[in-house]
């Protein structure tokens, strides 16, 4: 059974995740899904790419992939971003299980 959600979809060689970030939070955490994007708070400032770096580090750690496997493909300077995670074993269902609060 495949769970295809609007915020996370399967692509060749991995998954694509739509995220919406709120920088300058007290701690980095997942809030939930809002408007077809995974809403995240990041404990990083939106300057000099620090928030993007924190996002990549967080997703890589949560999904247990190397940081080099996580790429922000759209929205480098935007709160809404598209992130691609290269992993042959990850499915959108796995991502949802790991990232969404139960």
C-alpha atoms as a PDB file:
ATOM      1  CA  UNK A   1       0.000   0.000   0.000  1.00  0.00           C
ATOM      2  CA  UNK A   2       1.435   3.368  -0.926  1.00  0.00           C
ATOM      3  CA  UNK A   3       0.532   6.529   0.894  1.00  0.00           C
ATOM      4  CA  UNK A   4       0.892   9.416  -1.510  1.00  0.00           C
ATOM      5  CA  UNK A   5       0.588  12.721   0.246  1.00  0.00           C
ATOM      6  CA  UNK A   6       0.825  16.150  -1.286  1.00  0.00           C
ATOM      7  CA  UNK A   7       3.784  17.201   0.876  1.00  0.00           C
ATOM      8  CA  UNK A   8       5.879  14.115   0.209  1.00  0.00           C
ATOM      9  CA  UNK A   9       6.134  12.242  -3.065  1.00  0.00           C
ATOM     10  CA  UNK A  10       8.300   9.539  -4.559  1.00  0.00           C
ATOM     11  CA  UNK A  11      10.764  10.588  -7.253  1.00  0.00           C
ATOM     12  CA  UNK A  12      13.351   8.567  -9.134  1.00  0.00           C
ATOM     13  CA  UNK A  13      15.957   7.538  -6.570  1.00  0.00           C
ATOM     14  CA  UNK A  14      14.313   9.069  -3.514  1.00  0.00           C
ATOM     15  CA  UNK A  15      11.572  11.353  -2.236  1.00  0.00           C
ATOM     16  CA  UNK A  16      10.608  15.003  -2.619  1.00  0.00           C
ATOM     17  CA  UNK A  17       9.356  16.851   0.445  1.00  0.00           C
ATOM     18  CA  UNK A  18       7.578  20.211   0.458  1.00  0.00           C
ATOM     19  CA  UNK A  19       8.447  22.059   3.661  1.00  0.00           C
ATOM     20  CA  UNK A  20       7.470  25.346   5.216  1.00  0.00           C
ATOM     21  CA  UNK A  21       9.923  26.606   7.803  1.00  0.00           C
ATOM     22  CA  UNK A  22       9.713  28.988  10.701  1.00  0.00           C
ATOM     23  CA  UNK A  23      13.252  30.111  11.575  1.00  0.00           C
ATOM     24  CA  UNK A  24      14.427  31.500  14.935  1.00  0.00           C
ATOM     25  CA  UNK A  25      12.502  28.910  16.964  1.00  0.00           C
ATOM     26  CA  UNK A  26      13.625  27.808  20.419  1.00  0.00           C
ATOM     27  CA  UNK A  27      14.148  24.272  19.141  1.00  0.00           C
ATOM     28  CA  UNK A  28      13.996  22.434  15.839  1.00  0.00           C
ATOM     29  CA  UNK A  29      10.814  20.399  15.591  1.00  0.00           C
ATOM     30  CA  UNK A  30       8.081  19.218  13.240  1.00  0.00           C
ATOM     31  CA  UNK A  31       4.740  20.973  13.747  1.00  0.00           C
ATOM     32  CA  UNK A  32       2.700  18.929  11.265  1.00  0.00           C
ATOM     33  CA  UNK A  33       1.277  19.250   7.764  1.00  0.00           C
ATOM     34  CA  UNK A  34      -0.239  22.566   6.745  1.00  0.00           C
ATOM     35  CA  UNK A  35      -1.369  23.589   3.248  1.00  0.00           C
ATOM     36  CA  UNK A  36       0.318  20.609   1.568  1.00  0.00           C
ATOM     37  CA  UNK A  37       3.686  21.291   3.198  1.00  0.00           C
ATOM     38  CA  UNK A  38       5.473  19.820   6.193  1.00  0.00           C
ATOM     39  CA  UNK A  39       5.691  22.629   8.741  1.00  0.00           C
ATOM     40  CA  UNK A  40       8.959  22.798  10.663  1.00  0.00           C
ATOM     41  CA  UNK A  41      10.363  25.094  13.302  1.00  0.00           C
ATOM     42  CA  UNK A  42      14.116  25.600  12.992  1.00  0.00           C
ATOM     43  CA  UNK A  43      16.418  26.733  15.756  1.00  0.00           C
ATOM     44  CA  UNK A  44      18.477  28.728  13.273  1.00  0.00           C
ATOM     45  CA  UNK A  45      18.439  32.245  11.909  1.00  0.00           C
ATOM     46  CA  UNK A  46      17.476  32.881   8.288  1.00  0.00           C
ATOM     47  CA  UNK A  47      20.818  34.527   7.522  1.00  0.00           C
ATOM     48  CA  UNK A  48      23.734  33.313   5.429  1.00  0.00           C
ATOM     49  CA  UNK A  49      21.996  30.017   4.726  1.00  0.00           C
ATOM     50  CA  UNK A  50      21.964  28.975   8.392  1.00  0.00           C
ATOM     51  CA  UNK A  51      18.289  27.940   8.288  1.00  0.00           C
ATOM     52  CA  UNK A  52      18.845  25.912   5.104  1.00  0.00           C
ATOM     53  CA  UNK A  53      21.834  24.234   6.732  1.00  0.00           C
ATOM     54  CA  UNK A  54      19.775  23.426   9.838  1.00  0.00           C
ATOM     55  CA  UNK A  55      16.966  22.041   7.672  1.00  0.00           C
ATOM     56  CA  UNK A  56      19.340  19.749   5.765  1.00  0.00           C
ATOM     57  CA  UNK A  57      20.999  18.601   8.986  1.00  0.00           C
ATOM     58  CA  UNK A  58      17.643  17.935  10.654  1.00  0.00           C
ATOM     59  CA  UNK A  59      16.170  15.993   7.718  1.00  0.00           C
ATOM     60  CA  UNK A  60      19.357  13.986   7.178  1.00  0.00           C
ATOM     61  CA  UNK A  61      19.450  13.044  10.867  1.00  0.00           C
ATOM     62  CA  UNK A  62      15.756  12.185  11.092  1.00  0.00           C
ATOM     63  CA  UNK A  63      15.745  10.143   7.881  1.00  0.00           C
ATOM     64  CA  UNK A  64      19.143   8.556   8.593  1.00  0.00           C
ATOM     65  CA  UNK A  65      20.760   9.600   5.322  1.00  0.00           C
ATOM     66  CA  UNK A  66      24.021  11.490   4.792  1.00  0.00           C
ATOM     67  CA  UNK A  67      23.677  15.282   4.579  1.00  0.00           C
ATOM     68  CA  UNK A  68      24.972  15.038   1.012  1.00  0.00           C
ATOM     69  CA  UNK A  69      21.788  13.118   0.088  1.00  0.00           C
ATOM     70  CA  UNK A  70      19.559  16.071   1.039  1.00  0.00           C
ATOM     71  CA  UNK A  71      19.215  18.927  -1.473  1.00  0.00           C
ATOM     72  CA  UNK A  72      17.018  22.020  -1.378  1.00  0.00           C
ATOM     73  CA  UNK A  73      15.893  22.250  -5.005  1.00  0.00           C
ATOM     74  CA  UNK A  74      13.493  25.213  -4.776  1.00  0.00           C
ATOM     75  CA  UNK A  75      12.989  28.105  -2.392  1.00  0.00           C
ATOM     76  CA  UNK A  76      16.536  28.698  -1.150  1.00  0.00           C
ATOM     77  CA  UNK A  77      15.535  32.098   0.246  1.00  0.00           C
ATOM     78  CA  UNK A  78      11.869  31.321   0.822  1.00  0.00           C
ATOM     79  CA  UNK A  79       9.963  29.917   3.813  1.00  0.00           C
ATOM     80  CA  UNK A  80       8.470  27.305   1.491  1.00  0.00           C
ATOM     81  CA  UNK A  81      11.026  24.922   0.055  1.00  0.00           C
ATOM     82  CA  UNK A  82      11.213  21.756  -1.990  1.00  0.00           C
ATOM     83  CA  UNK A  83      13.729  19.271  -0.664  1.00  0.00           C
ATOM     84  CA  UNK A  84      14.905  16.140  -2.440  1.00  0.00           C
ATOM     85  CA  UNK A  85      16.279  13.235  -0.433  1.00  0.00           C
ATOM     86  CA  UNK A  86      18.246  10.674  -2.420  1.00  0.00           C
ATOM     87  CA  UNK A  87      17.728   7.238  -0.958  1.00  0.00           C
ATOM     88  CA  UNK A  88      16.685   4.060  -2.724  1.00  0.00           C
ATOM     89  CA  UNK A  89      15.091   2.689   0.446  1.00  0.00           C
ATOM     90  CA  UNK A  90      12.981   5.684   1.515  1.00  0.00           C
ATOM     91  CA  UNK A  91       9.301   5.878   0.596  1.00  0.00           C
ATOM     92  CA  UNK A  92       6.815   8.691   1.290  1.00  0.00           C
ATOM     93  CA  UNK A  93       5.207   6.402   3.891  1.00  0.00           C
ATOM     94  CA  UNK A  94       8.576   5.991   5.672  1.00  0.00           C
ATOM     95  CA  UNK A  95       9.114   9.755   5.651  1.00  0.00           C
ATOM     96  CA  UNK A  96       5.641  10.381   7.075  1.00  0.00           C
ATOM     97  CA  UNK A  97       6.210   7.756   9.776  1.00  0.00           C
ATOM     98  CA  UNK A  98       9.508   9.328  10.827  1.00  0.00           C
ATOM     99  CA  UNK A  99       8.642  13.010  10.529  1.00  0.00           C
ATOM    100  CA  UNK A 100       5.004  13.304  11.527  1.00  0.00           C
ATOM    101  CA  UNK A 101       4.116  13.461  15.216  1.00  0.00           C
ATOM    102  CA  UNK A 102       2.062  10.382  16.049  1.00  0.00           C
END
